[in-house]
Protein backbone atom coordinates (compact mmCIF):
# COMPACT_ATOMS: atom_id res chain seq x y z
CA UNK A 1 -25.39 82.35 2.65
CA UNK A 2 -24.20 82.36 6.27
CA UNK A 3 -24.42 79.83 9.09
CA UNK A 4 -26.05 80.89 12.36
CA UNK A 5 -25.87 79.17 15.72
CA UNK A 6 -29.13 79.50 17.63
CA UNK A 7 -30.68 78.80 21.02
CA UNK A 8 -34.42 78.84 21.57
CA UNK A 9 -37.59 77.16 22.77
CA UNK A 10 -40.07 74.91 20.99
CA UNK A 11 -43.89 74.84 21.40
CA UNK A 12 -43.52 72.71 24.56
CA UNK A 13 -41.09 75.12 26.14
CA UNK A 14 -38.11 72.78 25.75
CA UNK A 15 -34.71 74.30 25.09
CA UNK A 16 -33.35 73.79 21.58
CA UNK A 17 -30.02 74.66 19.98
CA UNK A 18 -28.32 74.06 16.66
CA UNK A 19 -27.39 75.66 13.35
CA UNK A 20 -29.37 77.14 10.49
CA UNK A 21 -28.36 78.46 7.06
CA UNK A 22 -29.74 81.83 6.05
CA UNK A 23 -28.94 85.10 4.29
CA UNK A 24 -29.44 87.28 7.38
CA UNK A 25 -30.38 87.20 11.06
CA UNK A 26 -33.98 88.18 10.32
CA UNK A 27 -34.43 85.46 7.71
CA UNK A 28 -32.83 82.95 10.11
CA UNK A 29 -35.42 83.88 12.74
CA UNK A 30 -38.18 83.46 10.17
CA UNK A 31 -36.87 80.03 9.17
CA UNK A 32 -36.72 78.94 12.80
CA UNK A 33 -40.25 80.11 13.56
CA UNK A 34 -41.98 78.98 10.34
CA UNK A 35 -40.14 75.77 9.43
CA UNK A 36 -38.61 74.45 12.64
CA UNK A 37 -41.28 75.82 15.00
CA UNK A 38 -38.62 77.21 17.33
CA UNK A 39 -38.69 80.64 18.97
CA UNK A 40 -35.06 81.83 19.08
CA UNK A 41 -33.66 83.46 22.20
CA UNK A 42 -30.21 84.11 20.72
CA UNK A 43 -28.65 83.93 17.26
CA UNK A 44 -25.02 84.49 16.31
CA UNK A 45 -23.27 84.11 12.98
CA UNK A 46 -20.52 81.54 12.44
CA UNK A 47 -17.86 83.01 10.16
CA UNK A 48 -17.26 81.33 6.81
CA UNK A 49 -14.31 79.02 6.18
CA UNK A 50 -11.18 80.98 5.52
CA UNK A 51 -12.10 83.71 8.01
CA UNK A 52 -9.42 84.22 10.63
CA UNK A 53 -11.89 84.08 13.49
CA UNK A 54 -13.10 80.66 12.41
CA UNK A 55 -9.56 79.41 11.92
CA UNK A 56 -8.64 80.63 15.37
CA UNK A 57 -11.72 78.94 16.77
CA UNK A 58 -10.83 75.69 15.09
CA UNK A 59 -7.18 75.86 16.15
CA UNK A 60 -8.19 76.33 19.79
CA UNK A 61 -11.16 74.02 19.91
CA UNK A 62 -9.82 71.08 17.90
CA UNK A 63 -8.07 69.76 20.98
CA UNK A 64 -11.31 69.86 22.95
CA UNK A 65 -13.64 68.88 20.10
CA UNK A 66 -11.82 66.21 18.16
CA UNK A 67 -13.96 64.37 15.67
CA UNK A 68 -13.96 60.63 16.27
CA UNK A 69 -13.28 58.29 13.33
CA UNK A 70 -16.63 56.64 14.07
CA UNK A 71 -18.41 59.96 13.42
CA UNK A 72 -16.64 60.43 10.08
CA UNK A 73 -17.41 56.82 9.16
CA UNK A 74 -21.09 57.23 10.02
CA UNK A 75 -21.30 60.49 8.07
CA UNK A 76 -19.63 58.82 5.06
CA UNK A 77 -21.99 55.84 5.19
CA UNK A 78 -25.09 58.06 5.46
CA UNK A 79 -23.91 60.37 2.67
CA UNK A 80 -23.27 57.37 0.42
CA UNK A 81 -26.78 56.03 1.12
CA UNK A 82 -28.44 59.36 0.33
CA UNK A 83 -26.47 59.88 -2.90
CA UNK A 84 -27.19 56.34 -4.11
CA UNK A 85 -30.89 57.01 -3.38
CA UNK A 86 -30.91 59.94 -5.80
CA UNK A 87 -30.26 62.89 -3.48
CA UNK A 88 -28.23 65.79 -4.81
CA UNK A 89 -24.99 66.42 -2.90
CA UNK A 90 -26.10 69.77 -1.45
CA UNK A 91 -29.46 68.36 -0.38
CA UNK A 92 -27.76 65.34 1.17
CA UNK A 93 -25.37 67.57 3.13
CA UNK A 94 -28.28 69.74 4.31
CA UNK A 95 -30.14 66.64 5.43
CA UNK A 96 -27.19 65.18 7.35
CA UNK A 97 -25.91 68.35 9.06
CA UNK A 98 -28.66 68.54 11.74
CA UNK A 99 -28.11 64.85 12.59
CA UNK A 100 -24.41 65.28 13.46
CA UNK A 101 -23.92 65.23 17.24
CA UNK A 102 -20.48 66.87 17.44
CA UNK A 103 -20.82 70.66 17.37
CA UNK A 104 -17.36 71.06 15.88
CA UNK A 105 -18.02 68.50 13.14
CA UNK A 106 -21.41 70.03 12.43
CA UNK A 107 -19.83 73.44 11.86
CA UNK A 108 -17.25 71.91 9.52
CA UNK A 109 -19.89 70.19 7.40
CA UNK A 110 -21.92 73.43 7.32
CA UNK A 111 -18.89 75.20 5.85
CA UNK A 112 -18.36 72.37 3.37
CA UNK A 113 -21.98 72.66 2.24
CA UNK A 114 -21.65 76.42 1.80
CA UNK A 115 -18.51 75.97 -0.31
CA UNK A 116 -20.28 73.43 -2.54
CA UNK A 117 -23.24 75.78 -2.92
CA UNK A 118 -20.84 78.51 -4.03
CA UNK A 119 -19.59 76.28 -6.84
CA UNK A 120 -16.64 74.49 -5.26
CA UNK A 121 -16.15 70.77 -5.77
CA UNK A 122 -16.79 68.51 -2.79
CA UNK A 123 -13.14 67.43 -2.56
CA UNK A 124 -11.89 71.02 -2.63
CA UNK A 125 -14.46 71.99 0.00
CA UNK A 126 -13.04 69.27 2.29
CA UNK A 127 -9.41 70.45 1.99
CA UNK A 128 -9.57 73.14 4.76
CA UNK A 129 -10.58 70.39 7.19
CA UNK A 130 -7.59 68.07 6.74
CA UNK A 131 -7.58 67.50 10.52
CA UNK A 132 -10.81 65.53 10.02
CA UNK A 133 -10.61 64.18 6.47
CA UNK A 134 -7.33 62.49 5.54
CA UNK A 135 -5.46 63.04 2.30
CA UNK A 136 -6.56 59.58 1.17
CA UNK A 137 -10.19 60.46 1.86
CA UNK A 138 -10.00 63.74 -0.11
CA UNK A 139 -8.17 62.13 -3.05
CA UNK A 140 -10.75 59.36 -3.27
CA UNK A 141 -13.57 61.91 -3.20
CA UNK A 142 -11.86 63.75 -6.06
CA UNK A 143 -11.54 60.49 -8.01
CA UNK A 144 -15.20 59.70 -7.39
CA UNK A 145 -16.29 63.15 -8.60
CA UNK A 146 -14.16 62.83 -11.74
CA UNK A 147 -15.55 59.41 -12.60
CA UNK A 148 -19.15 60.12 -11.54
CA UNK A 149 -19.07 57.36 -8.92
CA UNK A 150 -19.04 59.47 -5.76
CA UNK A 151 -21.65 57.29 -4.01
CA UNK A 152 -19.62 54.11 -4.69
CA UNK A 153 -16.41 55.76 -3.49
CA UNK A 154 -18.12 56.92 -0.30
CA UNK A 155 -19.41 53.40 0.30
CA UNK A 156 -15.91 51.95 -0.07
CA UNK A 157 -14.50 54.62 2.21
CA UNK A 158 -17.10 53.74 4.83
CA UNK A 159 -16.34 50.02 4.51
CA UNK A 160 -12.58 50.62 4.84
CA UNK A 161 -13.08 52.86 7.86
CA UNK A 162 -15.44 50.39 9.52
CA UNK A 163 -12.98 47.54 8.91
CA UNK A 164 -10.15 49.57 10.48
CA UNK A 165 -12.29 50.51 13.48
CA UNK A 166 -13.29 46.87 13.91
CA UNK A 167 -9.64 45.84 14.09
CA UNK A 168 -8.82 48.67 16.52
CA UNK A 169 -11.80 47.69 18.67
CA UNK A 170 -10.65 44.07 18.84
CA UNK A 171 -7.14 45.15 19.87
CA UNK A 172 -8.46 47.52 22.56
CA UNK A 173 -10.85 44.88 23.87
CA UNK A 174 -8.08 42.30 24.04
CA UNK A 175 -5.77 44.66 25.92
CA UNK A 176 -8.33 46.13 28.33
CA UNK A 177 -8.33 43.29 30.88
CA UNK A 178 -4.53 42.76 31.03
CA UNK A 179 -3.94 46.51 31.38
CA UNK A 180 -6.56 46.70 34.12
CA UNK A 181 -4.95 43.74 35.91
CA UNK A 182 -1.51 45.34 35.63
CA UNK A 183 -2.77 48.65 37.04
CA UNK A 184 -4.50 46.94 39.97
CA UNK A 185 -1.44 44.79 40.65
CA UNK A 186 0.83 47.84 40.60
CA UNK A 187 -1.47 49.75 42.93
CA UNK A 188 -1.62 46.83 45.40
CA UNK A 189 2.18 46.42 45.43
CA UNK A 190 2.78 50.15 45.96
CA UNK A 191 0.14 50.25 48.71
CA UNK A 192 1.68 47.26 50.51
CA UNK A 193 5.25 48.53 50.28
CA UNK A 194 4.34 52.11 51.21
CA UNK A 195 1.80 51.67 54.02
CA UNK A 196 1.44 48.07 55.20
CA UNK A 197 4.94 46.59 55.14
CA UNK A 198 6.76 49.48 56.95
CA UNK A 199 4.59 49.01 60.05
CA UNK A 200 5.30 45.30 60.14
CA UNK A 201 9.02 45.64 59.50
CA UNK A 202 9.39 48.33 62.17
CA UNK A 203 8.93 45.60 64.77
CA UNK A 204 11.81 43.57 63.36
CA UNK A 205 13.92 46.66 62.75
CA UNK A 206 13.97 47.39 66.49
CA UNK A 207 15.49 43.99 67.13
CA UNK A 208 19.27 43.77 67.31
CA UNK A 209 19.33 40.48 65.42
CA UNK A 210 20.15 40.52 61.72
CA UNK A 211 16.90 39.74 59.86
CA UNK A 212 16.74 36.99 57.18
CA UNK A 213 17.61 37.79 53.56
CA UNK A 214 13.96 38.15 52.31
CA UNK A 215 13.28 40.59 55.15
CA UNK A 216 16.40 42.63 54.33
CA UNK A 217 15.41 42.76 50.65
CA UNK A 218 11.91 43.96 51.49
CA UNK A 219 13.28 46.53 53.96
CA UNK A 220 15.65 47.84 51.29
CA UNK A 221 12.86 48.12 48.67
CA UNK A 222 10.56 49.85 51.15
CA UNK A 223 13.27 52.34 52.17
CA UNK A 224 14.09 53.11 48.54
CA UNK A 225 10.43 53.69 47.63
CA UNK A 226 9.85 55.96 50.63
CA UNK A 227 13.09 57.93 50.24
CA UNK A 228 13.41 58.24 46.46
CA UNK A 229 9.84 58.01 45.11
CA UNK A 230 10.24 61.33 43.30
CA UNK A 231 12.95 59.92 41.01
CA UNK A 232 10.44 57.88 38.97
CA UNK A 233 8.29 60.84 37.78
CA UNK A 234 11.48 62.81 37.04
CA UNK A 235 12.82 59.93 34.92
CA UNK A 236 9.49 59.65 33.09
CA UNK A 237 9.50 63.39 32.33
CA UNK A 238 13.10 63.24 31.11
CA UNK A 239 12.32 60.18 28.97
CA UNK A 240 9.29 61.88 27.44
CA UNK A 241 11.29 65.06 26.77
CA UNK A 242 14.12 63.09 25.21
CA UNK A 243 11.77 61.14 22.93
CA UNK A 244 10.02 64.37 21.88
CA UNK A 245 13.35 65.97 20.97
CA UNK A 246 14.40 62.87 19.04
CA UNK A 247 11.16 62.87 17.05
CA UNK A 248 11.68 66.50 16.03
CA UNK A 249 15.13 65.67 14.67
CA UNK A 250 15.36 63.87 11.33
CA UNK A 251 18.16 61.54 12.43
CA UNK A 252 16.45 60.96 15.77
CA UNK A 253 13.17 60.05 14.07
CA UNK A 254 15.04 57.68 11.75
CA UNK A 255 16.74 56.04 14.75
CA UNK A 256 13.44 55.58 16.62
CA UNK A 257 11.57 54.22 13.58
CA UNK A 258 14.43 51.84 12.80
CA UNK A 259 14.35 50.67 16.42
CA UNK A 260 10.59 50.14 16.26
CA UNK A 261 10.54 47.85 13.24
CA UNK A 262 13.66 45.92 14.31
CA UNK A 263 12.51 45.23 17.86
CA UNK A 264 12.46 41.44 18.52
CA UNK A 265 8.69 40.84 18.56
CA UNK A 266 6.80 44.12 18.45
CA UNK A 267 8.81 45.23 15.41
CA UNK A 268 7.25 42.48 13.30
CA UNK A 269 3.75 43.53 14.39
CA UNK A 270 4.40 47.21 13.66
CA UNK A 271 5.77 46.36 10.22
CA UNK A 272 2.82 44.12 9.38
CA UNK A 273 0.31 46.76 10.48
CA UNK A 274 2.07 49.36 8.33
CA UNK A 275 2.18 47.06 5.29
CA UNK A 276 -1.52 46.25 5.76
CA UNK A 277 -2.41 49.94 5.92
CA UNK A 278 -0.26 50.73 2.88
CA UNK A 279 -1.78 47.88 0.86
CA UNK A 280 -5.36 48.78 1.82
CA UNK A 281 -4.86 52.47 1.00
CA UNK A 282 -3.13 51.78 -2.32
CA UNK A 283 -5.77 49.25 -3.35
CA UNK A 284 -8.64 51.61 -2.54
CA UNK A 285 -7.04 54.45 -4.51
CA UNK A 286 -6.30 52.28 -7.55
CA UNK A 287 -9.81 50.79 -7.56
CA UNK A 288 -11.23 54.29 -7.83
CA UNK A 289 -9.20 55.43 -10.79
CA UNK A 290 -6.23 57.14 -9.13
CA UNK A 291 -3.01 56.64 -11.08
CA UNK A 292 -0.33 54.41 -9.54
CA UNK A 293 2.19 57.21 -9.01
CA UNK A 294 -0.32 59.51 -7.34
CA UNK A 295 -1.70 56.61 -5.27
CA UNK A 296 1.82 55.78 -4.07
CA UNK A 297 2.32 59.43 -3.10
CA UNK A 298 -0.88 59.45 -1.05
CA UNK A 299 -0.09 56.06 0.53
CA UNK A 300 3.38 57.31 1.44
CA UNK A 301 1.88 60.26 3.35
CA UNK A 302 -0.38 57.87 5.27
CA UNK A 303 2.68 56.04 6.66
CA UNK A 304 4.23 57.28 9.90
CA UNK A 305 7.45 55.23 9.78
CA UNK A 306 10.34 57.00 8.03
CA UNK A 307 11.94 53.78 6.74
CA UNK A 308 8.71 52.62 5.11
CA UNK A 309 8.24 56.09 3.62
CA UNK A 310 11.72 55.95 2.12
CA UNK A 311 11.02 52.53 0.62
CA UNK A 312 7.80 53.80 -0.98
CA UNK A 313 9.53 56.94 -2.24
CA UNK A 314 12.26 54.78 -3.83
CA UNK A 315 9.56 52.65 -5.48
CA UNK A 316 7.83 55.78 -6.82
CA UNK A 317 11.05 56.82 -8.57
CA UNK A 318 11.51 53.30 -9.94
CA UNK A 319 7.91 53.09 -11.19
CA UNK A 320 8.27 56.50 -12.81
CA UNK A 321 11.21 55.11 -14.78
CA UNK A 322 9.10 52.18 -15.97
CA UNK A 323 10.04 49.50 -13.43
CA UNK A 324 7.55 47.24 -11.66
CA UNK A 325 6.28 48.09 -8.18
CA UNK A 326 6.89 44.64 -6.69
CA UNK A 327 10.49 44.52 -7.95
CA UNK A 328 11.31 47.99 -6.63
CA UNK A 329 9.77 47.28 -3.21
CA UNK A 330 11.74 44.03 -2.95
CA UNK A 331 15.02 45.95 -3.28
CA UNK A 332 14.44 47.58 0.10
CA UNK A 333 14.72 45.43 3.23
CA UNK A 334 11.44 46.74 4.65
CA UNK A 335 8.60 44.99 2.87
CA UNK A 336 8.26 41.24 3.62
CA UNK A 337 9.01 38.78 0.81
CA UNK A 338 5.42 37.50 0.86
CA UNK A 339 4.06 41.02 0.22
CA UNK A 340 6.46 41.82 -2.62
CA UNK A 341 5.91 38.45 -4.31
CA UNK A 342 2.13 38.85 -4.13
CA UNK A 343 2.43 42.36 -5.61
CA UNK A 344 4.54 40.93 -8.47
CA UNK A 345 1.87 38.30 -9.15
CA UNK A 346 -0.86 40.96 -9.04
CA UNK A 347 1.01 43.16 -11.53
CA UNK A 348 1.67 40.28 -13.94
CA UNK A 349 -1.93 39.05 -13.80
CA UNK A 350 -3.50 42.52 -13.99
CA UNK A 351 -5.14 42.08 -10.59
CA UNK A 352 -2.96 44.34 -8.46
CA UNK A 353 -5.90 45.88 -6.56
CA UNK A 354 -7.36 42.57 -5.42
CA UNK A 355 -3.89 41.24 -4.52
CA UNK A 356 -3.22 44.32 -2.39
CA UNK A 357 -6.50 43.70 -0.57
CA UNK A 358 -5.44 40.11 0.08
CA UNK A 359 -2.10 41.31 1.49
CA UNK A 360 -3.93 43.67 3.83
CA UNK A 361 -6.28 40.87 4.95
CA UNK A 362 -3.39 38.46 5.59
CA UNK A 363 -1.37 40.87 7.72
CA UNK A 364 -4.35 42.24 9.61
CA UNK A 365 -5.33 38.65 10.53
CA UNK A 366 -1.75 37.86 11.57
CA UNK A 367 -1.53 40.97 13.77
CA UNK A 368 -4.89 40.25 15.37
CA UNK A 369 -3.87 36.64 16.08
CA UNK A 370 -0.51 37.71 17.52
CA UNK A 371 -2.12 40.29 19.81
CA UNK A 372 -4.58 37.68 21.08
CA UNK A 373 -1.66 35.37 21.92
CA UNK A 374 0.19 38.16 23.71
CA UNK A 375 -2.81 39.13 25.80
CA UNK A 376 -3.44 35.50 26.72
CA UNK A 377 0.13 35.35 28.09
CA UNK A 378 0.05 38.69 29.92
CA UNK A 379 -2.53 37.56 32.49
CA UNK A 380 -0.53 34.56 33.83
CA UNK A 381 2.64 36.71 33.85
CA UNK A 382 0.88 39.30 36.02
CA UNK A 383 -0.37 36.55 38.33
CA UNK A 384 3.17 35.15 38.63
CA UNK A 385 4.61 38.58 39.44
CA UNK A 386 1.93 39.20 42.04
CA UNK A 387 2.58 35.73 43.48
CA UNK A 388 6.33 36.44 43.70
CA UNK A 389 5.67 39.74 45.50
CA UNK A 390 3.24 38.07 47.89
CA UNK A 391 5.77 35.28 48.55
CA UNK A 392 8.52 37.81 49.30
CA UNK A 393 6.29 39.70 51.75
CA UNK A 394 5.15 36.48 53.39
CA UNK A 395 8.71 35.16 53.82
CA UNK A 396 9.91 38.57 55.05
CA UNK A 397 7.37 38.52 57.86
CA UNK A 398 7.18 34.78 58.56
CA UNK A 399 10.91 33.93 58.82
CA UNK A 400 11.68 36.50 61.59
CA UNK A 401 8.64 35.27 63.53
CA UNK A 402 9.96 31.72 63.27
CA UNK A 403 13.37 32.89 64.53
CA UNK A 404 11.76 34.65 67.50
CA UNK A 405 9.79 31.52 68.35
CA UNK A 406 12.99 29.45 68.31
CA UNK A 407 14.77 32.01 70.49
CA UNK A 408 11.86 31.98 72.97
CA UNK A 409 12.14 28.21 73.29
């Protein structure tokens, strides 16, 4: 069965477009007319997954048609609801496909449905679309299929995704106003120094008298900005190029990741976020029947920091030899003592999954609280900087005027 993209008109003459599954173009037209009450004006086939044309389409369009995490979360939640209500997987996928807004995502799910209809498992059908569904997601789906609890697994996946998006939303909301204030402040300063101040200082520049120190400082800054403005974008380009080259090199990536987690204040936040993500992923995998070694492997791939990956890899080797997870993680100076001690308690009490969830909750709350404190401090700092700039400009203009008044007397 193939997937066809159509455009047409309904009974009211309104334009309609979408996708329909059918064996041929003629049967697709029949389905559109008889079932959907749409008169097609154009129909074209979308190649099946694995076809080079489709892969090329995806490789080109994925940058323009990225699937948002919220879309995947909504799809997961809806699929879980349908399956728990007694729908068969294929029927549930057919029901949800027309409701997906993203064209790219809709095509992906259409291909997944076709693969399932052809006898593939749901987890295997998701594998070609790893740019949308993470390794953790696919492994949990596989565990749910094996244990016959696919609807429960999907519900937990949706809850985890929604919790992560909630945290991200709080962080973005907290940072929006300070970032906006910083951008406005920067724009005002650049505008003053570039357009307003030069005209004022030109009057004092024509005078033979040596201007006061604040005026000389402002004149120097203005001259530097006007004469060497192009240096800043060049430096930014060079910095970006240098960071990109470092990331592509193993030693460079190690250096950057080590710098990130050892930075005075932000390093602690990055480490806590990583530990929270690791704990949440590992807990979810273990709760759904994935073995500890395999769960550690998946959780390791979720991590982006090389040092944390190395610590997890070391723990995998230790666990494989029969050692405890908490003890092996404690040997590496990456995981906080609180996390390793709680993991030890969870292992000894047989409640590792719930303890991992508690670790994730603790560190997510700490990160959220720290970000709120930072954002509450950013605003007064911006105001102070703007006040200092305004004071410098005011003194630069006011002091020469006072000198001229004294000379006139």
